[in-house]
Amino acid sequence: MSQTETPLFSGLLAHAKKNPVQFHIPGHKKGTGIDPEFKEFIGENALSIDLINIGPLDDLHQPKGMIKQAQDLAAEAFGAEHTFFSVQGTSGAIMTMVMSVCGPGDKIIVPRNVHKSVMSAIVFSGATPIFIHPEIDTELGISHGITTDSVARALEQHPDAKGLLVINPTYFGVSADLKKIVEISHSYNVPVLVDEAHGVHIHFHESLPMSAMQAGADLAATSVHKLGGSMTQSSVLNMQGNLVSPKRVQSILSMLTTTSTSYLLLASLDVARKRLATEGHELIEKTIQLAQSIRKRINELDHLYCVGEEVLETHAAYDYDPTKLIISVKELGINGFDVELWLRERYNIEVEMSDLYNILCIVTPGDTEKEADILINALRELSIEYHGKAEKINTTQEVLLPHIPVLALTPRDAFYADTELVPFDESEGRIIAEFIMVYPPGIPIFIPGEIITTDNLRYIKTNMEAGLPVQGPEDYDFKYLRVIKEHRAIR
């Protein structure tokens, strides 16, 4: 088959054109049974292919027809031996990767700045995480990737690890030397799992970082919906090599996937793959040029700094994706969350994320000079308005990032242990039994089983006072934390 074909989408259209009488779910029956206002907004075309895994339409859990053809074309496009479609987002694909290689008591080497789905999979599998410290960029106040040296040390100390997980690129678009990391890991016969949530496009342009499949990684969970043009919640899991069984991967993915798979999401993966494979290079080239133009214009504004190639001077930044605009706002005298709110209220601009020191804007083929001008005009006004408050910050002293606490219990044991609630300010030294993270991007401050530290309690407070989205504990107000119950001797 040709990359210009869309077997899944085309098959759905052909089925809808037959207009069969449907005595099967979904109950809205091509839209006739749905709320009229919603139907008018969504449209009859979309509802006509909101179908279920009946015989003619194949089955994602055991694909043999049009879904298999679409997945085979995706594998060819991404340079993989096998590609699995995910309607559970990249979180579902990441959990599949981890659970395909790890079982109870197994070790898996992971960077600390992993997405919460990785830690969820570690709880489900019963594995023990071996954390690698990501390199800290004190100028920006963010974590980058892991270095080849840290990977080599981790594998030397834990050669029995069942997997190594790498984020490539990071949420901020920074990549490690993935090819070298894969070579080191494979010398121990340890498979490399890549969280490629923010890198679907990198495979299709030589100016972008090397993709997981190009670097020789074994598994890569890739968000097509984030930057590749498919619908939200649709992703792919690419794999190659013989260190992990594709049948095992299919089995685990099926366990984690709804049996009512969305054909709208699946079809959007099919057409997104076609566009990336046939037009991706041209579209991405224009996107890179637009992003670089925006970056140059931002750096002409007072008190604002948009990171460029100079980030590669740091130890953990081997390459970077210029379509990610990391805009440092710390010299304005306000935090990134304040800037996010200001842009929303003044210019109706929504950014990807904000933290204590930065905002992150992503540029995709869906952007034009029109959106670029709106952003630049807004940032120019922001710079002028806060000119009087601007100050040069000593980042070495001011930048605050969470430390990695001691892991006293496996996350699974802590999650299922006898627990109790204790006041937030009295929790230091206790073993936490719940996740706490700033989301987005979903990087843990605490995971179940870790000993609570004063520094990380302070980090939580600082983020909350800045208005940033700290999530995780069952007590949303953070007055209490759930910890492992201490069993004291009977007197």
Protein backbone atom coordinates (compact mmCIF):
# COMPACT_ATOMS: atom_id res chain seq x y z
CA MET A 1 0.00 0.00 0.00
CA SER A 2 1.03 3.61 -0.56
CA GLN A 3 1.48 6.24 2.16
CA THR A 4 -1.11 8.30 0.29
CA GLU A 5 -3.77 5.74 1.20
CA THR A 6 -5.92 5.76 4.33
CA PRO A 7 -7.36 2.25 4.63
CA LEU A 8 -9.06 2.84 7.97
CA PHE A 9 -10.59 6.24 7.23
CA SER A 10 -11.58 5.20 3.71
CA GLY A 11 -13.10 1.97 5.01
CA LEU A 12 -15.19 3.87 7.55
CA LEU A 13 -16.46 6.26 4.86
CA ALA A 14 -17.39 3.36 2.59
CA HIS A 15 -19.27 1.67 5.44
CA ALA A 16 -21.13 4.88 6.35
CA LYS A 17 -22.07 5.42 2.69
CA LYS A 18 -23.89 2.06 2.69
CA ASN A 19 -26.08 3.50 5.48
CA PRO A 20 -26.70 0.13 7.17
CA VAL A 21 -29.52 -0.36 9.67
CA GLN A 22 -27.75 -0.38 13.02
CA PHE A 23 -28.96 -2.71 15.74
CA HIS A 24 -25.71 -2.21 17.66
CA ILE A 25 -24.07 0.41 19.83
CA PRO A 26 -23.45 3.36 20.01
CA GLY A 27 -26.99 4.18 20.98
CA HIS A 28 -27.14 7.51 19.18
CA LYS A 29 -27.44 5.53 15.88
CA LYS A 30 -25.56 7.84 13.48
CA GLY A 31 -26.73 10.88 15.46
CA THR A 32 -30.50 10.40 15.37
CA GLY A 33 -30.54 9.59 19.07
CA ILE A 34 -28.21 12.32 20.28
CA ASP A 35 -28.94 15.78 21.65
CA PRO A 36 -29.93 17.95 18.64
CA GLU A 37 -27.79 20.93 19.67
CA PHE A 38 -24.73 18.72 20.01
CA LYS A 39 -25.51 17.03 16.69
CA GLU A 40 -25.75 20.37 14.91
CA PHE A 41 -22.38 21.40 16.31
CA ILE A 42 -20.53 18.12 15.70
CA GLY A 43 -22.15 17.37 12.37
CA GLU A 44 -23.70 14.29 10.80
CA ASN A 45 -20.47 13.22 9.07
CA ALA A 46 -18.57 12.77 12.33
CA LEU A 47 -21.46 10.94 13.98
CA SER A 48 -21.86 8.62 11.00
CA ILE A 49 -18.39 7.12 11.61
CA ASP A 50 -18.63 7.08 15.41
CA LEU A 51 -18.91 3.30 15.25
CA ILE A 52 -17.93 0.16 17.13
CA ASN A 53 -15.83 -2.90 16.32
CA ILE A 54 -18.37 -4.78 14.21
CA GLY A 55 -17.12 -7.36 11.68
CA PRO A 56 -16.52 -5.15 8.61
CA LEU A 57 -14.60 -2.55 10.64
CA ASP A 58 -11.90 -4.76 12.22
CA ASP A 59 -11.01 -4.84 15.94
CA LEU A 60 -8.18 -2.89 17.59
CA HIS A 61 -7.72 -5.72 20.11
CA GLN A 62 -6.97 -8.27 17.37
CA PRO A 63 -6.54 -6.33 14.12
CA LYS A 64 -6.64 -8.28 10.87
CA GLY A 65 -8.25 -5.90 8.38
CA MET A 66 -8.36 -2.14 7.88
CA ILE A 67 -6.89 -1.34 11.32
CA LYS A 68 -3.97 -3.70 10.68
CA GLN A 69 -3.39 -2.10 7.29
CA ALA A 70 -3.40 1.36 8.88
CA GLN A 71 -1.00 0.24 11.61
CA ASP A 72 1.33 -1.36 9.04
CA LEU A 73 1.45 1.90 7.08
CA ALA A 74 2.20 3.78 10.30
CA ALA A 75 5.05 1.38 11.11
CA GLU A 76 6.54 2.03 7.69
CA ALA A 77 6.16 5.81 8.14
CA PHE A 78 7.82 5.82 11.58
CA GLY A 79 10.56 3.34 10.66
CA ALA A 80 9.22 0.76 13.12
CA GLU A 81 8.73 -2.99 12.81
CA HIS A 82 5.37 -2.80 14.58
CA THR A 83 3.03 0.08 15.36
CA PHE A 84 0.06 -0.15 17.70
CA PHE A 85 -2.68 2.49 17.76
CA SER A 86 -3.73 3.81 21.17
CA VAL A 87 -7.07 5.42 22.00
CA GLN A 88 -5.96 5.71 25.63
CA GLY A 89 -3.55 8.51 24.77
CA THR A 90 0.19 8.28 25.22
CA SER A 91 -0.38 7.56 28.90
CA GLY A 92 -1.87 4.21 27.91
CA ALA A 93 1.04 3.54 25.56
CA ILE A 94 3.60 4.46 28.24
CA MET A 95 1.96 2.17 30.78
CA THR A 96 2.00 -0.60 28.17
CA MET A 97 5.74 -0.13 27.61
CA VAL A 98 6.59 -0.34 31.30
CA MET A 99 4.28 -3.27 32.03
CA SER A 100 5.56 -5.17 28.98
CA VAL A 101 9.06 -5.39 30.49
CA CYS A 102 8.48 -5.20 34.27
CA GLY A 103 6.82 -7.38 36.86
CA PRO A 104 6.72 -7.39 40.69
CA GLY A 105 10.15 -6.69 42.16
CA ASP A 106 11.80 -5.89 38.82
CA LYS A 107 13.97 -2.80 38.50
CA ILE A 108 13.41 -0.13 35.88
CA ILE A 109 15.77 2.83 35.42
CA VAL A 110 13.90 6.10 34.94
CA PRO A 111 14.70 9.82 35.05
CA ARG A 112 13.04 11.62 37.92
CA ASN A 113 11.23 14.06 35.63
CA VAL A 114 8.98 11.33 34.20
CA HIS A 115 5.30 11.75 33.44
CA LYS A 116 2.84 10.49 36.06
CA SER A 117 1.80 7.63 33.73
CA VAL A 118 5.25 6.07 34.21
CA MET A 119 4.81 6.04 37.96
CA SER A 120 1.26 4.70 37.61
CA ALA A 121 2.65 1.81 35.55
CA ILE A 122 5.31 1.17 38.19
CA VAL A 123 2.58 0.92 40.83
CA PHE A 124 0.51 -1.43 38.63
CA SER A 125 3.48 -3.64 37.76
CA GLY A 126 5.03 -3.74 41.23
CA ALA A 127 8.40 -2.69 39.84
CA THR A 128 11.01 -0.68 41.71
CA PRO A 129 12.16 2.58 40.10
CA ILE A 130 15.88 3.33 39.99
CA PHE A 131 15.99 7.09 39.54
CA ILE A 132 18.52 9.02 37.49
CA HIS A 133 18.90 12.69 38.30
CA PRO A 134 18.06 14.74 35.21
CA GLU A 135 20.43 17.60 34.50
CA ILE A 136 19.19 20.88 35.98
CA ASP A 137 19.29 24.10 33.97
CA THR A 138 19.66 26.70 36.73
CA GLU A 139 19.38 29.55 34.22
CA LEU A 140 15.88 28.46 33.17
CA GLY A 141 14.81 26.61 36.29
CA ILE A 142 13.85 23.43 34.43
CA SER A 143 15.06 19.84 34.13
CA HIS A 144 16.62 18.61 30.90
CA GLY A 145 17.39 15.03 29.93
CA ILE A 146 19.73 12.40 31.31
CA THR A 147 23.36 12.13 30.27
CA THR A 148 25.16 9.16 28.75
CA ASP A 149 27.45 9.12 31.82
CA SER A 150 24.52 8.83 34.24
CA VAL A 151 22.99 6.04 32.16
CA ALA A 152 26.30 4.16 32.13
CA ARG A 153 26.63 4.48 35.92
CA ALA A 154 23.04 3.36 36.51
CA LEU A 155 23.45 0.26 34.35
CA GLU A 156 26.80 -0.55 35.88
CA GLN A 157 25.17 -0.50 39.33
CA HIS A 158 21.95 -2.21 38.19
CA PRO A 159 22.79 -4.52 35.25
CA ASP A 160 19.74 -6.62 36.19
CA ALA A 161 17.34 -3.79 35.31
CA LYS A 162 14.50 -4.89 33.03
CA GLY A 163 14.31 -1.60 31.17
CA LEU A 164 15.62 1.94 30.78
CA LEU A 165 13.11 4.71 30.17
CA VAL A 166 14.18 7.93 28.44
CA ILE A 167 12.21 11.13 27.77
CA ASN A 168 13.10 12.25 24.26
CA PRO A 169 12.50 15.07 23.67
CA THR A 170 11.49 16.55 27.02
CA TYR A 171 8.34 18.62 27.45
CA PHE A 172 10.53 21.65 26.71
CA GLY A 173 11.91 20.14 23.50
CA VAL A 174 15.40 19.20 24.68
CA SER A 175 16.94 15.86 23.66
CA ALA A 176 19.73 13.72 25.04
CA ASP A 177 22.20 11.71 22.97
CA LEU A 178 19.62 8.99 22.49
CA LYS A 179 21.60 6.92 20.00
CA LYS A 180 24.53 6.62 22.45
CA ILE A 181 22.15 5.88 25.34
CA VAL A 182 20.60 3.04 23.31
CA GLU A 183 24.05 1.63 22.53
CA ILE A 184 25.00 1.65 26.23
CA SER A 185 21.74 0.04 27.32
CA HIS A 186 21.81 -2.62 24.62
CA SER A 187 25.33 -3.62 25.68
CA TYR A 188 23.60 -4.90 28.85
CA ASN A 189 20.69 -6.37 26.82
CA VAL A 190 18.40 -3.88 28.54
CA PRO A 191 15.59 -2.56 26.31
CA VAL A 192 15.15 1.20 25.90
CA LEU A 193 11.64 2.61 26.30
CA VAL A 194 11.14 6.16 25.03
CA ASP A 195 8.52 8.63 26.18
CA GLU A 196 8.23 10.42 22.83
CA ALA A 197 5.01 12.22 23.74
CA HIS A 198 6.35 15.52 22.44
CA GLY A 199 8.23 14.23 19.41
CA VAL A 200 5.90 12.79 16.78
CA HIS A 201 7.19 15.31 14.23
CA ILE A 202 10.92 14.84 14.80
CA HIS A 203 11.06 11.69 12.66
CA PHE A 204 10.06 13.66 9.57
CA HIS A 205 12.69 16.42 9.44
CA GLU A 206 16.47 16.18 9.52
CA SER A 207 16.87 19.48 11.43
CA LEU A 208 15.04 18.08 14.44
CA PRO A 209 16.37 15.67 17.08
CA MET A 210 16.72 11.99 16.19
CA SER A 211 13.54 9.99 16.74
CA ALA A 212 13.38 6.92 18.96
CA MET A 213 13.15 4.50 16.03
CA GLN A 214 16.04 6.22 14.23
CA ALA A 215 18.15 5.90 17.39
CA GLY A 216 17.45 2.16 17.68
CA ALA A 217 15.18 2.26 20.74
CA ASP A 218 12.98 -0.76 21.40
CA LEU A 219 9.68 0.93 22.23
CA ALA A 220 8.42 4.49 21.83
CA ALA A 221 5.11 5.96 22.99
CA THR A 222 4.36 8.87 20.68
CA SER A 223 1.56 11.44 20.92
CA VAL A 224 0.29 11.96 17.41
CA HIS A 225 -2.42 14.25 18.77
CA LYS A 226 0.00 16.67 20.43
CA LEU A 227 1.98 17.77 17.40
CA GLY A 228 0.98 15.45 14.56
CA GLY A 229 -2.54 16.53 13.69
CA SER A 230 -4.71 13.69 15.04
CA MET A 231 -7.52 14.07 17.56
CA THR A 232 -6.89 14.42 21.28
CA GLN A 233 -6.28 11.08 23.03
CA SER A 234 -4.93 9.33 19.92
CA SER A 235 -1.34 8.06 19.98
CA VAL A 236 0.88 5.30 18.66
CA LEU A 237 3.25 2.81 20.23
CA ASN A 238 6.17 2.01 17.92
CA MET A 239 8.54 -0.92 18.46
CA GLN A 240 11.45 -2.76 16.89
CA GLY A 241 14.12 -5.31 17.78
CA ASN A 242 13.92 -8.62 19.63
CA LEU A 243 14.37 -7.61 23.29
CA VAL A 244 10.60 -7.23 23.78
CA SER A 245 7.89 -9.50 22.39
CA PRO A 246 5.33 -7.72 20.16
CA LYS A 247 2.71 -10.27 21.25
CA ARG A 248 3.37 -9.34 24.88
CA VAL A 249 2.98 -5.66 23.98
CA GLN A 250 -0.31 -6.32 22.17
CA SER A 251 -1.58 -8.32 25.14
CA ILE A 252 -0.74 -5.62 27.71
CA LEU A 253 -2.12 -2.85 25.51
CA SER A 254 -5.34 -4.78 25.12
CA MET A 255 -5.62 -5.18 28.90
CA LEU A 256 -5.35 -1.40 29.33
CA THR A 257 -7.60 -0.41 26.42
CA THR A 258 -11.36 0.01 26.37
CA THR A 259 -13.25 -2.54 24.28
CA SER A 260 -15.37 0.36 22.97
CA THR A 261 -12.58 1.84 20.89
CA SER A 262 -13.29 5.18 19.20
CA TYR A 263 -13.17 4.93 15.43
CA LEU A 264 -13.07 8.71 15.20
CA LEU A 265 -9.75 8.65 17.07
CA LEU A 266 -8.46 5.71 15.04
CA ALA A 267 -9.39 7.37 11.75
CA SER A 268 -7.66 10.57 12.80
CA LEU A 269 -4.46 8.58 13.39
CA ASP A 270 -4.74 7.13 9.90
CA VAL A 271 -5.06 10.51 8.17
CA ALA A 272 -2.45 12.18 10.40
CA ARG A 273 0.05 9.46 9.44
CA LYS A 274 -0.68 10.04 5.76
CA ARG A 275 -0.07 13.78 6.07
CA LEU A 276 3.14 13.35 8.08
CA ALA A 277 4.48 10.77 5.62
CA THR A 278 3.59 12.68 2.44
CA GLU A 279 3.73 16.36 3.47
CA GLY A 280 5.45 16.29 6.84
CA HIS A 281 8.86 17.59 5.79
CA GLU A 282 7.43 20.61 3.98
CA LEU A 283 4.98 21.44 6.78
CA ILE A 284 7.62 21.08 9.49
CA GLU A 285 10.11 23.21 7.55
CA LYS A 286 7.59 26.07 7.49
CA THR A 287 6.87 25.53 11.18
CA ILE A 288 10.56 25.70 12.10
CA GLN A 289 10.99 28.92 10.11
CA LEU A 290 7.97 30.49 11.80
CA ALA A 291 9.18 29.45 15.26
CA GLN A 292 12.67 30.81 14.64
CA SER A 293 11.16 34.10 13.47
CA ILE A 294 9.07 34.35 16.64
CA ARG A 295 12.12 33.47 18.76
CA LYS A 296 14.18 36.26 17.16
CA ARG A 297 11.40 38.82 17.70
CA ILE A 298 10.93 37.83 21.35
CA ASN A 299 14.64 38.23 22.03
CA GLU A 300 14.42 41.82 20.79
CA LEU A 301 12.04 42.64 23.66
CA ASP A 302 13.29 43.91 27.02
CA HIS A 303 13.32 41.51 30.01
CA LEU A 304 12.21 38.47 27.95
CA TYR A 305 14.37 35.62 26.71
CA CYS A 306 13.41 32.80 24.35
CA VAL A 307 15.84 29.90 24.44
CA GLY A 308 17.70 28.97 21.26
CA GLU A 309 20.67 26.88 20.18
CA GLU A 310 22.72 28.14 23.13
CA VAL A 311 20.85 25.58 25.26
CA LEU A 312 23.10 22.99 23.60
CA GLU A 313 26.03 24.34 25.59
CA THR A 314 24.66 22.55 28.65
CA HIS A 315 25.76 18.99 29.42
CA ALA A 316 22.39 17.25 29.03
CA ALA A 317 21.17 19.10 25.94
CA TYR A 318 22.45 17.17 22.94
CA ASP A 319 19.82 18.61 20.57
CA TYR A 320 16.66 20.67 20.73
CA ASP A 321 13.37 21.25 18.96
CA PRO A 322 13.06 24.92 17.90
CA THR A 323 9.28 24.67 17.53
CA LYS A 324 9.08 24.72 21.35
CA LEU A 325 9.33 28.32 22.59
CA ILE A 326 10.64 28.36 26.16
CA ILE A 327 10.13 31.99 27.17
CA SER A 328 11.89 33.00 30.39
CA VAL A 329 9.92 35.70 32.23
CA LYS A 330 11.78 35.74 35.54
CA GLU A 331 13.34 39.17 34.90
CA LEU A 332 9.89 40.79 34.72
CA GLY A 333 9.46 40.49 38.47
CA ILE A 334 6.47 38.12 38.07
CA ASN A 335 6.18 34.36 37.68
CA GLY A 336 5.13 32.37 34.64
CA PHE A 337 1.65 31.71 35.97
CA ASP A 338 1.04 35.46 36.31
CA VAL A 339 2.10 35.87 32.68
CA GLU A 340 -0.23 33.04 31.61
CA LEU A 341 -3.17 34.78 33.30
CA TRP A 342 -2.18 38.16 31.85
CA LEU A 343 -2.05 36.78 28.30
CA ARG A 344 -5.41 35.07 28.77
CA GLU A 345 -7.18 38.12 30.15
CA ARG A 346 -5.60 40.77 27.91
CA TYR A 347 -5.13 38.99 24.58
CA ASN A 348 -7.19 35.78 24.77
CA ILE A 349 -3.96 33.81 24.33
CA GLU A 350 -3.61 30.35 25.86
CA VAL A 351 -0.08 29.02 26.38
CA GLU A 352 0.93 25.36 26.67
CA MET A 353 2.11 25.69 30.27
CA SER A 354 3.70 27.98 32.81
CA ASP A 355 5.95 27.46 35.82
CA LEU A 356 7.70 29.67 38.34
CA TYR A 357 10.08 31.10 35.75
CA ASN A 358 8.80 30.43 32.21
CA ILE A 359 5.92 30.07 29.83
CA LEU A 360 5.97 27.48 27.07
CA CYS A 361 4.39 28.08 23.66
CA ILE A 362 4.36 25.44 20.94
CA VAL A 363 4.34 26.22 17.22
CA THR A 364 2.82 23.67 14.85
CA PRO A 365 1.72 23.53 11.19
CA GLY A 366 -1.58 24.94 12.47
CA ASP A 367 0.04 28.32 13.21
CA THR A 368 0.55 31.29 10.88
CA GLU A 369 2.11 34.76 10.92
CA LYS A 370 -1.22 36.05 12.20
CA GLU A 371 -0.93 34.13 15.49
CA ALA A 372 2.76 35.02 15.67
CA ASP A 373 1.99 38.75 15.44
CA ILE A 374 -0.65 38.49 18.16
CA LEU A 375 1.82 36.79 20.52
CA ILE A 376 4.62 39.29 19.82
CA ASN A 377 2.32 42.29 20.29
CA ALA A 378 1.10 40.85 23.59
CA LEU A 379 4.61 40.16 24.87
CA ARG A 380 5.74 43.64 23.82
CA GLU A 381 2.96 45.19 25.88
CA LEU A 382 3.78 42.87 28.79
CA SER A 383 7.42 43.94 28.67
CA ILE A 384 6.49 47.62 28.71
CA GLU A 385 3.92 47.24 31.51
CA TYR A 386 6.32 45.43 33.85
CA HIS A 387 9.42 47.41 32.91
CA GLY A 388 9.43 49.17 36.28
CA LYS A 389 9.37 45.88 38.22
CA ALA A 390 12.02 44.20 36.14
CA GLU A 391 15.13 43.02 37.89
CA LYS A 392 18.10 40.81 37.17
CA ILE A 393 17.70 37.61 39.16
CA ASN A 394 20.62 35.55 40.43
CA THR A 395 19.30 32.28 39.09
CA THR A 396 21.84 30.12 40.90
CA GLN A 397 20.28 31.18 44.21
CA GLU A 398 16.70 31.81 43.15
CA VAL A 399 15.81 28.83 40.97
CA LEU A 400 13.92 26.23 42.98
CA LEU A 401 13.49 22.63 41.85
CA PRO A 402 12.34 19.57 43.81
CA HIS A 403 14.87 17.13 45.22
CA ILE A 404 14.56 13.36 44.83
CA PRO A 405 13.53 11.94 48.23
CA VAL A 406 14.65 8.57 49.59
CA LEU A 407 12.45 5.66 48.44
CA ALA A 408 11.67 3.63 51.56
CA LEU A 409 9.06 1.28 50.03
CA THR A 410 8.18 0.25 46.50
CA PRO A 411 5.46 2.52 45.10
CA ARG A 412 3.07 -0.46 44.90
CA ASP A 413 3.60 -1.49 48.53
CA ALA A 414 3.15 2.10 49.70
CA PHE A 415 0.05 2.64 47.57
CA TYR A 416 -1.67 -0.43 49.04
CA ALA A 417 -0.39 -0.09 52.63
CA ASP A 418 -2.38 0.89 55.72
CA THR A 419 -2.46 4.66 55.67
CA GLU A 420 -3.63 7.69 57.60
CA LEU A 421 -4.00 11.42 57.04
CA VAL A 422 -1.62 13.77 58.84
CA PRO A 423 -1.43 17.58 58.78
CA PHE A 424 0.72 18.88 55.90
CA ASP A 425 3.08 20.78 58.21
CA GLU A 426 3.57 17.71 60.43
CA SER A 427 4.33 15.23 57.63
CA GLU A 428 8.12 15.61 57.40
CA GLY A 429 9.88 12.27 57.81
CA ARG A 430 6.77 10.20 57.12
CA ILE A 431 6.41 7.87 54.10
CA ILE A 432 3.94 9.29 51.61
CA ALA A 433 1.26 7.04 50.09
CA GLU A 434 0.03 9.26 47.26
CA PHE A 435 1.35 11.15 44.24
CA ILE A 436 2.01 14.89 44.26
CA MET A 437 2.99 16.69 41.07
CA VAL A 438 2.70 19.95 39.19
CA TYR A 439 0.51 19.23 36.17
CA PRO A 440 1.26 20.10 33.43
CA PRO A 441 3.79 18.66 32.84
CA GLY A 442 2.99 15.94 35.43
CA ILE A 443 6.46 15.49 36.93
CA PRO A 444 6.34 14.01 40.46
CA ILE A 445 7.35 15.95 43.56
CA PHE A 446 6.54 12.89 45.68
CA ILE A 447 5.63 9.33 44.68
CA PRO A 448 4.21 6.67 47.02
CA GLY A 449 6.94 5.16 49.19
CA GLU A 450 9.17 8.23 49.48
CA ILE A 451 10.17 9.93 52.72
CA ILE A 452 8.71 13.43 52.95
CA THR A 453 11.31 16.18 53.13
CA THR A 454 11.12 19.80 54.26
CA ASP A 455 12.60 21.02 50.97
CA ASN A 456 9.89 19.39 48.87
CA LEU A 457 7.13 20.57 51.23
CA ARG A 458 8.49 24.07 50.70
CA TYR A 459 8.53 23.48 46.93
CA ILE A 460 4.85 22.50 47.04
CA LYS A 461 3.96 25.64 49.00
CA THR A 462 5.94 27.88 46.65
CA ASN A 463 4.12 26.51 43.60
CA MET A 464 0.72 26.76 45.27
CA GLU A 465 1.36 30.35 46.37
CA ALA A 466 2.26 31.18 42.78
CA GLY A 467 -1.08 29.70 41.65
CA LEU A 468 0.48 26.78 39.78
CA PRO A 469 -1.54 23.55 39.38
CA VAL A 470 -0.21 21.23 42.10
CA GLN A 471 -2.22 17.99 41.94
CA GLY A 472 -2.36 14.51 43.37
CA PRO A 473 -3.42 14.29 47.00
CA GLU A 474 -6.96 13.38 47.93
CA ASP A 475 -7.09 16.55 50.05
CA TYR A 476 -7.19 19.21 47.32
CA ASP A 477 -6.52 21.98 49.85
CA PHE A 478 -3.22 20.37 50.97
CA LYS A 479 -4.12 20.65 54.63
CA TYR A 480 -3.43 16.90 54.99
CA LEU A 481 -1.26 14.31 53.26
CA ARG A 482 -1.87 10.56 53.19
CA VAL A 483 1.06 8.67 54.69
CA ILE A 484 1.91 5.12 55.73
CA LYS A 485 0.44 4.35 59.14
CA GLU A 486 3.10 3.90 61.80
CA HIS A 487 2.63 0.83 63.99
CA ARG A 488 3.90 1.62 67.45
CA ALA A 489 4.68 -0.92 70.15
CA ILE A 490 1.88 -1.72 72.62
CA ARG A 491 2.70 -0.40 76.09
